[in-house]
PDB file of N, CA and C in Angstrom:
ATOM      1  N   MET A   1     -49.260  -8.089  12.686  1.00  0.00           N
ATOM      2  CA  MET A   1     -48.509  -8.871  11.437  1.00  0.00           C
ATOM      3  C   MET A   1     -47.283  -8.356  12.096  1.00  0.00           C
ATOM      4  N   ALA A   2     -46.087  -9.401  11.614  1.00  0.00           N
ATOM      5  CA  ALA A   2     -44.906  -9.084  11.834  1.00  0.00           C
ATOM      6  C   ALA A   2     -44.175  -8.032  11.040  1.00  0.00           C
ATOM      7  N   LYS A   3     -42.972  -6.945  11.237  1.00  0.00           N
ATOM      8  CA  LYS A   3     -42.369  -6.664  10.257  1.00  0.00           C
ATOM      9  C   LYS A   3     -41.338  -6.884   9.648  1.00  0.00           C
ATOM     10  N   LYS A   4     -41.476  -6.544   8.388  1.00  0.00           N
ATOM     11  CA  LYS A   4     -40.557  -6.873   7.152  1.00  0.00           C
ATOM     12  C   LYS A   4     -39.108  -6.484   8.062  1.00  0.00           C
ATOM     13  N   PRO A   5     -37.844  -7.237   7.774  1.00  0.00           N
ATOM     14  CA  PRO A   5     -36.573  -6.668   8.260  1.00  0.00           C
ATOM     15  C   PRO A   5     -36.465  -5.976   7.388  1.00  0.00           C
ATOM     16  N   LYS A   6     -35.511  -4.522   7.420  1.00  0.00           N
ATOM     17  CA  LYS A   6     -35.163  -3.737   6.489  1.00  0.00           C
ATOM     18  C   LYS A   6     -34.006  -4.355   5.373  1.00  0.00           C
ATOM     19  N   LYS A   7     -34.654  -3.594   4.234  1.00  0.00           N
ATOM     20  CA  LYS A   7     -33.568  -4.211   3.435  1.00  0.00           C
ATOM     21  C   LYS A   7     -31.947  -3.214   3.526  1.00  0.00           C
ATOM     22  N   ASN A   8     -31.179  -3.802   3.098  1.00  0.00           N
ATOM     23  CA  ASN A   8     -29.634  -3.421   3.218  1.00  0.00           C
ATOM     24  C   ASN A   8     -29.517  -1.929   1.831  1.00  0.00           C
ATOM     25  N   THR A   9     -29.635  -0.724   2.214  1.00  0.00           N
ATOM     26  CA  THR A   9     -29.505   0.294   1.772  1.00  0.00           C
ATOM     27  C   THR A   9     -28.262   0.727   0.858  1.00  0.00           C
ATOM     28  N   THR A  10     -27.780  -0.093   1.571  1.00  0.00           N
ATOM     29  CA  THR A  10     -26.241   0.635   1.136  1.00  0.00           C
ATOM     30  C   THR A  10     -25.295  -0.197  -0.006  1.00  0.00           C
ATOM     31  N   GLY A  11     -25.485  -0.933  -0.225  1.00  0.00           N
ATOM     32  CA  GLY A  11     -25.387  -2.189  -1.169  1.00  0.00           C
ATOM     33  C   GLY A  11     -24.184  -3.304  -0.920  1.00  0.00           C
ATOM     34  N   LEU A  12     -23.943  -3.210   0.227  1.00  0.00           N
ATOM     35  CA  LEU A  12     -22.896  -3.964   0.668  1.00  0.00           C
ATOM     36  C   LEU A  12     -23.132  -5.186   1.151  1.00  0.00           C
ATOM     37  N   THR A  13     -22.387  -6.393   1.022  1.00  0.00           N
ATOM     38  CA  THR A  13     -22.613  -7.702   1.645  1.00  0.00           C
ATOM     39  C   THR A  13     -22.765  -7.928   2.980  1.00  0.00           C
ATOM     40  N   ARG A  14     -22.711  -8.587   3.328  1.00  0.00           N
ATOM     41  CA  ARG A  14     -22.798  -9.251   4.764  1.00  0.00           C
ATOM     42  C   ARG A  14     -21.601  -9.371   5.835  1.00  0.00           C
ATOM     43  N   ALA A  15     -20.651  -9.813   4.863  1.00  0.00           N
ATOM     44  CA  ALA A  15     -19.225  -9.847   5.006  1.00  0.00           C
ATOM     45  C   ALA A  15     -18.380  -8.682   4.890  1.00  0.00           C
ATOM     46  N   GLN A  16     -18.881  -7.659   4.245  1.00  0.00           N
ATOM     47  CA  GLN A  16     -18.697  -6.230   4.227  1.00  0.00           C
ATOM     48  C   GLN A  16     -18.722  -5.218   5.394  1.00  0.00           C
ATOM     49  N   ILE A  17     -20.145  -5.845   5.202  1.00  0.00           N
ATOM     50  CA  ILE A  17     -20.429  -4.813   6.938  1.00  0.00           C
ATOM     51  C   ILE A  17     -20.036  -5.167   8.165  1.00  0.00           C
ATOM     52  N   LYS A  18     -19.555  -6.764   8.312  1.00  0.00           N
ATOM     53  CA  LYS A  18     -18.767  -7.116   9.062  1.00  0.00           C
ATOM     54  C   LYS A  18     -17.410  -6.738   9.523  1.00  0.00           C
ATOM     55  N   GLU A  19     -16.985  -6.532   8.293  1.00  0.00           N
ATOM     56  CA  GLU A  19     -15.477  -6.357   8.256  1.00  0.00           C
ATOM     57  C   GLU A  19     -15.541  -4.580   8.759  1.00  0.00           C
ATOM     58  N   ARG A  20     -16.599  -3.995   8.520  1.00  0.00           N
ATOM     59  CA  ARG A  20     -16.394  -2.561   8.678  1.00  0.00           C
ATOM     60  C   ARG A  20     -16.864  -2.240  10.230  1.00  0.00           C
ATOM     61  N   THR A  21     -17.490  -3.046  10.440  1.00  0.00           N
ATOM     62  CA  THR A  21     -17.744  -2.893  12.239  1.00  0.00           C
ATOM     63  C   THR A  21     -16.860  -3.268  12.990  1.00  0.00           C
ATOM     64  N   GLU A  22     -15.767  -4.276  12.574  1.00  0.00           N
ATOM     65  CA  GLU A  22     -14.917  -4.568  13.292  1.00  0.00           C
ATOM     66  C   GLU A  22     -13.774  -3.967  13.029  1.00  0.00           C
ATOM     67  N   ALA A  23     -13.575  -3.118  11.562  1.00  0.00           N
ATOM     68  CA  ALA A  23     -12.453  -2.205  11.588  1.00  0.00           C
ATOM     69  C   ALA A  23     -12.232  -0.572  12.378  1.00  0.00           C
ATOM     70  N   HIS A  24     -11.158  -0.305  12.906  1.00  0.00           N
ATOM     71  CA  HIS A  24     -10.846   0.947  13.476  1.00  0.00           C
ATOM     72  C   HIS A  24     -11.937   1.805  12.437  1.00  0.00           C
ATOM     73  N   PRO A  25     -12.037   2.740  12.853  1.00  0.00           N
ATOM     74  CA  PRO A  25     -12.812   3.649  12.329  1.00  0.00           C
ATOM     75  C   PRO A  25     -12.421   4.616  11.346  1.00  0.00           C
ATOM     76  N   LEU A  26     -10.634   5.037  11.785  1.00  0.00           N
ATOM     77  CA  LEU A  26     -10.179   5.532  10.965  1.00  0.00           C
ATOM     78  C   LEU A  26      -9.606   4.708   9.363  1.00  0.00           C
ATOM     79  N   ALA A  27      -9.794   3.600   9.879  1.00  0.00           N
ATOM     80  CA  ALA A  27      -9.322   2.640   8.769  1.00  0.00           C
ATOM     81  C   ALA A  27     -10.456   2.397   7.589  1.00  0.00           C
ATOM     82  N   VAL A  28     -11.893   2.468   8.057  1.00  0.00           N
ATOM     83  CA  VAL A  28     -12.747   2.509   7.119  1.00  0.00           C
ATOM     84  C   VAL A  28     -12.719   2.600   5.797  1.00  0.00           C
ATOM     85  N   PRO A  29     -12.306   4.137   5.728  1.00  0.00           N
ATOM     86  CA  PRO A  29     -12.412   4.442   4.625  1.00  0.00           C
ATOM     87  C   PRO A  29     -11.261   3.939   3.259  1.00  0.00           C
ATOM     88  N   PHE A  30      -9.999   2.993   3.734  1.00  0.00           N
ATOM     89  CA  PHE A  30      -9.405   2.723   2.973  1.00  0.00           C
ATOM     90  C   PHE A  30      -9.008   1.215   2.540  1.00  0.00           C
ATOM     91  N   LEU A  31     -10.657   0.550   3.071  1.00  0.00           N
ATOM     92  CA  LEU A  31     -10.753  -0.952   2.928  1.00  0.00           C
ATOM     93  C   LEU A  31     -11.259  -0.989   1.656  1.00  0.00           C
ATOM     94  N   TRP A  32     -11.279  -0.581   0.720  1.00  0.00           N
ATOM     95  CA  TRP A  32     -11.087  -0.542  -0.633  1.00  0.00           C
ATOM     96  C   TRP A  32      -9.920  -0.938  -1.348  1.00  0.00           C
ATOM     97  N   LEU A  33      -8.826  -0.858  -0.352  1.00  0.00           N
ATOM     98  CA  LEU A  33      -7.302  -1.271  -0.720  1.00  0.00           C
ATOM     99  C   LEU A  33      -7.062  -2.953  -0.882  1.00  0.00           C
ATOM    100  N   GLY A  34      -8.084  -3.417   0.087  1.00  0.00           N
ATOM    101  CA  GLY A  34      -7.565  -5.129   0.598  1.00  0.00           C
ATOM    102  C   GLY A  34      -8.243  -5.713  -0.486  1.00  0.00           C
ATOM    103  N   LYS A  35      -9.109  -4.846  -1.479  1.00  0.00           N
ATOM    104  CA  LYS A  35      -9.831  -5.583  -2.358  1.00  0.00           C
ATOM    105  C   LYS A  35      -8.613  -6.289  -3.638  1.00  0.00           C
ATOM    106  N   GLU A  36      -8.937  -7.787  -3.991  1.00  0.00           N
ATOM    107  CA  GLU A  36      -8.197  -8.423  -4.647  1.00  0.00           C
ATOM    108  C   GLU A  36      -7.237  -7.820  -6.159  1.00  0.00           C
ATOM    109  N   LYS A  37      -8.778  -7.024  -6.992  1.00  0.00           N
ATOM    110  CA  LYS A  37      -8.199  -6.390  -7.992  1.00  0.00           C
ATOM    111  C   LYS A  37      -7.289  -5.380  -7.637  1.00  0.00           C
ATOM    112  N   ILE A  38      -6.856  -4.639  -6.294  1.00  0.00           N
ATOM    113  CA  ILE A  38      -6.490  -3.592  -6.175  1.00  0.00           C
ATOM    114  C   ILE A  38      -5.368  -4.252  -5.692  1.00  0.00           C
ATOM    115  N   ILE A  39      -4.973  -4.843  -4.831  1.00  0.00           N
ATOM    116  CA  ILE A  39      -3.814  -5.780  -4.692  1.00  0.00           C
ATOM    117  C   ILE A  39      -2.730  -6.192  -6.264  1.00  0.00           C
ATOM    118  N   LYS A  40      -3.613  -6.661  -6.915  1.00  0.00           N
ATOM    119  CA  LYS A  40      -2.713  -7.247  -8.346  1.00  0.00           C
ATOM    120  C   LYS A  40      -2.400  -6.356  -8.865  1.00  0.00           C
ATOM    121  N   ASN A  41      -3.262  -5.310  -9.109  1.00  0.00           N
ATOM    122  CA  ASN A  41      -2.610  -4.148  -9.947  1.00  0.00           C
ATOM    123  C   ASN A  41      -1.987  -2.976  -9.624  1.00  0.00           C
ATOM    124  N   PHE A  42      -1.614  -3.058  -7.995  1.00  0.00           N
ATOM    125  CA  PHE A  42      -1.181  -1.609  -7.648  1.00  0.00           C
ATOM    126  C   PHE A  42       0.273  -1.321  -8.291  1.00  0.00           C
ATOM    127  N   ILE A  43       0.774  -2.015  -8.882  1.00  0.00           N
ATOM    128  CA  ILE A  43       2.421  -2.361  -9.199  1.00  0.00           C
ATOM    129  C   ILE A  43       2.253  -0.756 -10.438  1.00  0.00           C
ATOM    130  N   PHE A  44       0.976  -0.696 -11.025  1.00  0.00           N
ATOM    131  CA  PHE A  44       0.947   0.196 -12.047  1.00  0.00           C
ATOM    132  C   PHE A  44       0.895   1.506 -11.509  1.00  0.00           C
ATOM    133  N   VAL A  45       0.633   1.554 -10.304  1.00  0.00           N
ATOM    134  CA  VAL A  45       0.868   3.417  -9.679  1.00  0.00           C
ATOM    135  C   VAL A  45       2.487   3.557  -9.880  1.00  0.00           C
ATOM    136  N   PRO A  46       3.340   2.677  -9.010  1.00  0.00           N
ATOM    137  CA  PRO A  46       4.641   3.431  -9.105  1.00  0.00           C
ATOM    138  C   PRO A  46       4.973   3.486 -10.583  1.00  0.00           C
ATOM    139  N   LEU A  47       4.612   2.867 -11.466  1.00  0.00           N
ATOM    140  CA  LEU A  47       5.438   2.499 -13.013  1.00  0.00           C
ATOM    141  C   LEU A  47       4.724   3.432 -13.654  1.00  0.00           C
ATOM    142  N   PHE A  48       3.289   4.339 -13.296  1.00  0.00           N
ATOM    143  CA  PHE A  48       2.574   5.103 -13.866  1.00  0.00           C
ATOM    144  C   PHE A  48       3.424   6.789 -13.347  1.00  0.00           C
ATOM    145  N   GLY A  49       4.038   6.615 -12.309  1.00  0.00           N
ATOM    146  CA  GLY A  49       4.590   7.604 -11.496  1.00  0.00           C
ATOM    147  C   GLY A  49       5.775   7.972 -11.994  1.00  0.00           C
ATOM    148  N   LEU A  50       6.594   6.653 -12.385  1.00  0.00           N
ATOM    149  CA  LEU A  50       7.646   6.721 -13.111  1.00  0.00           C
ATOM    150  C   LEU A  50       8.093   7.185 -14.769  1.00  0.00           C
ATOM    151  N   ILE A  51       6.625   6.767 -15.167  1.00  0.00           N
ATOM    152  CA  ILE A  51       6.175   7.540 -16.463  1.00  0.00           C
ATOM    153  C   ILE A  51       6.245   8.939 -16.144  1.00  0.00           C
ATOM    154  N   PHE A  52       5.449   9.351 -15.618  1.00  0.00           N
ATOM    155  CA  PHE A  52       4.814  11.099 -15.649  1.00  0.00           C
ATOM    156  C   PHE A  52       6.080  11.723 -15.364  1.00  0.00           C
ATOM    157  N   PHE A  53       6.654  11.221 -14.042  1.00  0.00           N
ATOM    158  CA  PHE A  53       7.856  12.144 -13.669  1.00  0.00           C
ATOM    159  C   PHE A  53       9.209  12.273 -14.591  1.00  0.00           C
ATOM    160  N   SER A  54       9.375  10.853 -15.403  1.00  0.00           N
ATOM    161  CA  SER A  54      10.056  11.207 -16.326  1.00  0.00           C
ATOM    162  C   SER A  54      10.042  12.060 -17.811  1.00  0.00           C
ATOM    163  N   LEU A  55       8.871  12.139 -18.000  1.00  0.00           N
ATOM    164  CA  LEU A  55       8.329  12.944 -19.058  1.00  0.00           C
ATOM    165  C   LEU A  55       7.927  14.401 -18.156  1.00  0.00           C
ATOM    166  N   LEU A  56       7.905  14.922 -16.992  1.00  0.00           N
ATOM    167  CA  LEU A  56       8.299  15.970 -16.185  1.00  0.00           C
ATOM    168  C   LEU A  56       9.715  16.501 -16.166  1.00  0.00           C
ATOM    169  N   GLY A  57      10.516  15.422 -15.934  1.00  0.00           N
ATOM    170  CA  GLY A  57      11.852  16.001 -15.815  1.00  0.00           C
ATOM    171  C   GLY A  57      12.263  16.210 -17.290  1.00  0.00           C
ATOM    172  N   PHE A  58      11.954  15.785 -18.633  1.00  0.00           N
ATOM    173  CA  PHE A  58      11.938  15.697 -19.471  1.00  0.00           C
ATOM    174  C   PHE A  58      11.734  17.198 -20.164  1.00  0.00           C
ATOM    175  N   LYS A  59      10.058  17.984 -19.720  1.00  0.00           N
ATOM    176  CA  LYS A  59       9.906  19.032 -20.384  1.00  0.00           C
ATOM    177  C   LYS A  59      10.677  20.202 -19.268  1.00  0.00           C
ATOM    178  N   TYR A  60      10.818  19.727 -18.095  1.00  0.00           N
ATOM    179  CA  TYR A  60      11.601  21.189 -17.077  1.00  0.00           C
ATOM    180  C   TYR A  60      13.124  20.198 -16.351  1.00  0.00           C
ATOM    181  N   PRO A  61      14.274  20.664 -17.454  1.00  0.00           N
ATOM    182  CA  PRO A  61      15.286  19.943 -16.884  1.00  0.00           C
ATOM    183  C   PRO A  61      15.989  21.199 -15.769  1.00  0.00           C
ATOM    184  N   LEU A  62      16.626  20.179 -15.005  1.00  0.00           N
ATOM    185  CA  LEU A  62      17.050  20.771 -14.280  1.00  0.00           C
ATOM    186  C   LEU A  62      18.202  21.970 -14.212  1.00  0.00           C
ATOM    187  N   HIS A  63      18.185  22.969 -13.874  1.00  0.00           N
ATOM    188  CA  HIS A  63      19.243  24.241 -13.797  1.00  0.00           C
ATOM    189  C   HIS A  63      21.178  23.784 -13.817  1.00  0.00           C
ATOM    190  N   HIS A  64      20.855  23.479 -13.027  1.00  0.00           N
ATOM    191  CA  HIS A  64      22.584  22.757 -13.093  1.00  0.00           C
ATOM    192  C   HIS A  64      22.675  21.198 -12.694  1.00  0.00           C
ATOM    193  N   PRO A  65      22.444  20.538 -13.502  1.00  0.00           N
ATOM    194  CA  PRO A  65      22.539  19.047 -14.160  1.00  0.00           C
ATOM    195  C   PRO A  65      24.061  18.369 -13.635  1.00  0.00           C
ATOM    196  N   ALA A  66      24.070  17.505 -12.867  1.00  0.00           N
ATOM    197  CA  ALA A  66      25.445  16.495 -12.369  1.00  0.00           C
ATOM    198  C   ALA A  66      26.168  16.021 -13.130  1.00  0.00           C
ATOM    199  N   SER A  67      27.013  15.453 -13.302  1.00  0.00           N
ATOM    200  CA  SER A  67      28.517  15.081 -14.256  1.00  0.00           C
ATOM    201  C   SER A  67      27.604  13.642 -14.400  1.00  0.00           C
ATOM    202  N   TRP A  68      27.058  12.882 -13.616  1.00  0.00           N
ATOM    203  CA  TRP A  68      26.538  11.668 -13.703  1.00  0.00           C
ATOM    204  C   TRP A  68      25.209  11.793 -14.345  1.00  0.00           C
ATOM    205  N   ASP A  69      24.459  12.817 -14.750  1.00  0.00           N
ATOM    206  CA  ASP A  69      22.893  12.533 -15.052  1.00  0.00           C
ATOM    207  C   ASP A  69      22.855  12.479 -16.408  1.00  0.00           C
ATOM    208  N   PHE A  70      21.511  11.406 -16.525  1.00  0.00           N
ATOM    209  CA  PHE A  70      21.299  10.995 -17.636  1.00  0.00           C
ATOM    210  C   PHE A  70      19.924  11.097 -18.005  1.00  0.00           C
ATOM    211  N   ALA A  71      19.301  10.979 -18.926  1.00  0.00           N
ATOM    212  CA  ALA A  71      17.761  11.038 -19.245  1.00  0.00           C
ATOM    213  C   ALA A  71      17.257  10.435 -17.866  1.00  0.00           C
ATOM    214  N   PHE A  72      16.082  11.259 -17.394  1.00  0.00           N
ATOM    215  CA  PHE A  72      15.165  10.448 -16.964  1.00  0.00           C
ATOM    216  C   PHE A  72      15.963   9.384 -15.539  1.00  0.00           C
ATOM    217  N   SER A  73      17.252  10.261 -15.122  1.00  0.00           N
ATOM    218  CA  SER A  73      18.117   9.795 -14.063  1.00  0.00           C
ATOM    219  C   SER A  73      17.419   9.651 -12.637  1.00  0.00           C
ATOM    220  N   TYR A  74      16.721  10.896 -12.266  1.00  0.00           N
ATOM    221  CA  TYR A  74      16.109  10.826 -10.899  1.00  0.00           C
ATOM    222  C   TYR A  74      15.076  10.105 -10.514  1.00  0.00           C
ATOM    223  N   THR A  75      14.417  10.061 -11.819  1.00  0.00           N
ATOM    224  CA  THR A  75      13.047   8.846 -11.467  1.00  0.00           C
ATOM    225  C   THR A  75      13.453   7.432 -11.683  1.00  0.00           C
ATOM    226  N   LEU A  76      14.722   7.198 -12.452  1.00  0.00           N
ATOM    227  CA  LEU A  76      14.810   5.627 -12.265  1.00  0.00           C
ATOM    228  C   LEU A  76      15.740   5.252 -11.185  1.00  0.00           C
ATOM    229  N   ILE A  77      16.207   6.201 -10.828  1.00  0.00           N
ATOM    230  CA  ILE A  77      16.966   6.095  -8.993  1.00  0.00           C
ATOM    231  C   ILE A  77      16.270   6.040  -8.028  1.00  0.00           C
ATOM    232  N   GLY A  78      15.112   7.047  -8.706  1.00  0.00           N
ATOM    233  CA  GLY A  78      13.663   6.659  -7.048  1.00  0.00           C
ATOM    234  C   GLY A  78      12.782   5.653  -7.223  1.00  0.00           C
ATOM    235  N   PHE A  79      12.765   5.101  -8.679  1.00  0.00           N
ATOM    236  CA  PHE A  79      11.959   3.590  -8.688  1.00  0.00           C
ATOM    237  C   PHE A  79      13.114   2.302  -8.043  1.00  0.00           C
ATOM    238  N   ALA A  80      14.001   2.721  -8.706  1.00  0.00           N
ATOM    239  CA  ALA A  80      14.960   1.725  -7.871  1.00  0.00           C
ATOM    240  C   ALA A  80      15.143   1.569  -6.287  1.00  0.00           C
ATOM    241  N   ALA A  81      15.073   3.035  -5.986  1.00  0.00           N
ATOM    242  CA  ALA A  81      15.372   2.823  -4.361  1.00  0.00           C
ATOM    243  C   ALA A  81      13.641   2.385  -3.833  1.00  0.00           C
ATOM    244  N   TYR A  82      13.074   2.794  -4.048  1.00  0.00           N
ATOM    245  CA  TYR A  82      10.991   2.702  -3.775  1.00  0.00           C
ATOM    246  C   TYR A  82      11.409   0.608  -4.265  1.00  0.00           C
ATOM    247  N   SER A  83      11.851   0.439  -4.871  1.00  0.00           N
ATOM    248  CA  SER A  83      11.495  -1.151  -5.587  1.00  0.00           C
ATOM    249  C   SER A  83      12.581  -1.812  -4.375  1.00  0.00           C
ATOM    250  N   PHE A  84      13.557  -1.417  -4.069  1.00  0.00           N
ATOM    251  CA  PHE A  84      14.875  -2.294  -2.821  1.00  0.00           C
ATOM    252  C   PHE A  84      13.739  -1.763  -1.461  1.00  0.00           C
ATOM    253  N   VAL A  85      13.378  -0.906  -1.426  1.00  0.00           N
ATOM    254  CA  VAL A  85      12.855  -0.502   0.039  1.00  0.00           C
ATOM    255  C   VAL A  85      11.842  -1.491   0.251  1.00  0.00           C
ATOM    256  N   VAL A  86      10.958  -1.688  -0.308  1.00  0.00           N
ATOM    257  CA  VAL A  86       9.678  -2.352  -0.362  1.00  0.00           C
ATOM    258  C   VAL A  86       9.831  -3.966  -0.812  1.00  0.00           C
ATOM    259  N   LEU A  87      11.157  -4.409  -1.143  1.00  0.00           N
ATOM    260  CA  LEU A  87      11.423  -5.896  -1.553  1.00  0.00           C
ATOM    261  C   LEU A  87      12.265  -6.386  -0.197  1.00  0.00           C
ATOM    262  N   MET A  88      12.998  -5.484   0.157  1.00  0.00           N
ATOM    263  CA  MET A  88      13.661  -5.736   1.535  1.00  0.00           C
ATOM    264  C   MET A  88      12.898  -5.775   2.598  1.00  0.00           C
ATOM    265  N   ALA A  89      11.597  -5.408   2.438  1.00  0.00           N
ATOM    266  CA  ALA A  89      10.731  -5.860   4.223  1.00  0.00           C
ATOM    267  C   ALA A  89      10.641  -6.734   4.614  1.00  0.00           C
ATOM    268  N   TRP A  90      10.333  -7.753   3.749  1.00  0.00           N
ATOM    269  CA  TRP A  90      10.092  -8.886   4.131  1.00  0.00           C
ATOM    270  C   TRP A  90      11.670  -9.749   4.552  1.00  0.00           C
ATOM    271  N   PRO A  91      12.550  -9.775   4.153  1.00  0.00           N
ATOM    272  CA  PRO A  91      13.792 -10.409   4.656  1.00  0.00           C
ATOM    273  C   PRO A  91      14.254  -9.287   5.693  1.00  0.00           C
ATOM    274  N   LEU A  92      13.842  -8.449   6.009  1.00  0.00           N
ATOM    275  CA  LEU A  92      14.042  -7.629   7.526  1.00  0.00           C
ATOM    276  C   LEU A  92      13.009  -8.143   8.307  1.00  0.00           C
ATOM    277  N   PHE A  93      11.869  -7.915   8.466  1.00  0.00           N
ATOM    278  CA  PHE A  93      11.023  -8.526   9.105  1.00  0.00           C
ATOM    279  C   PHE A  93      11.815 -10.209   9.617  1.00  0.00           C
ATOM    280  N   LYS A  94      11.886 -10.959   9.330  1.00  0.00           N
ATOM    281  CA  LYS A  94      12.423 -12.265   9.031  1.00  0.00           C
ATOM    282  C   LYS A  94      13.597 -11.837   9.769  1.00  0.00           C
ATOM    283  N   LEU A  95      14.556 -10.968   9.519  1.00  0.00           N
ATOM    284  CA  LEU A  95      16.069 -11.109  10.459  1.00  0.00           C
ATOM    285  C   LEU A  95      15.570 -10.214  11.698  1.00  0.00           C
ATOM    286  N   LEU A  96      14.546  -9.100  11.902  1.00  0.00           N
ATOM    287  CA  LEU A  96      14.918  -8.862  13.049  1.00  0.00           C
ATOM    288  C   LEU A  96      13.380  -9.067  13.773  1.00  0.00           C
ATOM    289  N   ALA A  97      12.542  -9.351  13.555  1.00  0.00           N
ATOM    290  CA  ALA A  97      11.361 -10.251  14.260  1.00  0.00           C
ATOM    291  C   ALA A  97      11.854 -10.994  15.289  1.00  0.00           C
ATOM    292  N   ARG A  98      11.173 -11.282  16.341  1.00  0.00           N
ATOM    293  CA  ARG A  98      11.259 -11.834  17.615  1.00  0.00           C
ATOM    294  C   ARG A  98      10.181 -13.175  17.517  1.00  0.00           C
ATOM    295  N   ASP A  99      10.283 -14.336  18.558  1.00  0.00           N
ATOM    296  CA  ASP A  99       9.232 -14.479  18.969  1.00  0.00           C
ATOM    297  C   ASP A  99       8.135 -13.920  19.416  1.00  0.00           C
ATOM    298  N   GLU A 100       6.720 -14.821  19.642  1.00  0.00           N
ATOM    299  CA  GLU A 100       6.208 -13.806  20.460  1.00  0.00           C
ATOM    300  C   GLU A 100       6.542 -14.005  22.109  1.00  0.00           C
ATOM    301  N   ASN A 101       6.768 -14.616  22.247  1.00  0.00           N
ATOM    302  CA  ASN A 101       7.489 -15.188  23.198  1.00  0.00           C
ATOM    303  C   ASN A 101       8.664 -15.073  24.128  1.00  0.00           C
ATOM    304  N   TYR A 102       9.219 -13.844  23.396  1.00  0.00           N
ATOM    305  CA  TYR A 102      10.378 -13.701  23.471  1.00  0.00           C
ATOM    306  C   TYR A 102      10.912 -13.268  24.781  1.00  0.00           C
ATOM    307  N   TYR A 103      10.013 -12.206  25.476  1.00  0.00           N
ATOM    308  CA  TYR A 103      10.233 -11.914  26.773  1.00  0.00           C
ATOM    309  C   TYR A 103      10.009 -12.991  27.998  1.00  0.00           C
ATOM    310  N   GLY A 104       9.246 -13.933  27.190  1.00  0.00           N
ATOM    311  CA  GLY A 104       9.340 -15.068  28.619  1.00  0.00           C
ATOM    312  C   GLY A 104       7.816 -15.070  28.960  1.00  0.00           C
ATOM    313  N   GLU A 105       7.074 -14.409  28.455  1.00  0.00           N
ATOM    314  CA  GLU A 105       5.352 -13.966  29.008  1.00  0.00           C
ATOM    315  C   GLU A 105       4.440 -15.343  28.565  1.00  0.00           C
ATOM    316  N   GLU A 106       3.848 -15.520  29.458  1.00  0.00           N
ATOM    317  CA  GLU A 106       3.109 -16.484  29.475  1.00  0.00           C
ATOM    318  C   GLU A 106       1.439 -15.678  29.000  1.00  0.00           C
ATOM    319  N   ASP A 107       0.754 -16.867  27.917  1.00  0.00           N
ATOM    320  CA  ASP A 107      -0.128 -16.527  27.518  1.00  0.00           C
ATOM    321  C   ASP A 107      -1.361 -17.001  28.621  1.00  0.00           C
ATOM    322  N   ASN A 108      -1.708 -16.080  29.479  1.00  0.00           N
ATOM    323  CA  ASN A 108      -2.626 -16.956  30.230  1.00  0.00           C
ATOM    324  C   ASN A 108      -4.470 -15.951  30.496  1.00  0.00           C
ATOM    325  N   ASP A 109      -4.495 -15.903  29.023  1.00  0.00           N
ATOM    326  CA  ASP A 109      -6.264 -14.971  28.650  1.00  0.00           C
ATOM    327  C   ASP A 109      -7.096 -16.399  28.848  1.00  0.00           C
TER     328      ASP A 109
END
């Protein structure tokens, strides 16, 4: 009799198994970040951080506040800086990126 093929005991689909085999070994633990649910809801991570550090700054105020300080100023400034960096990545890439054949190399593969 012919042997039955082994069942998939990991619970992964064929596409997920293929993705894991083609990925770099150090990238495999982070493949969950590519799921659609994670991508759509990632904005809540910095928002929760904003709320958490605002409350933390309210509970433990600065010893020597500056004259321009207001309630939750450091968390709002940090969130604005984070948002600026993330939103400027695409325009900077368009501005600084070069064509694939920028150095005149031909693809003879």
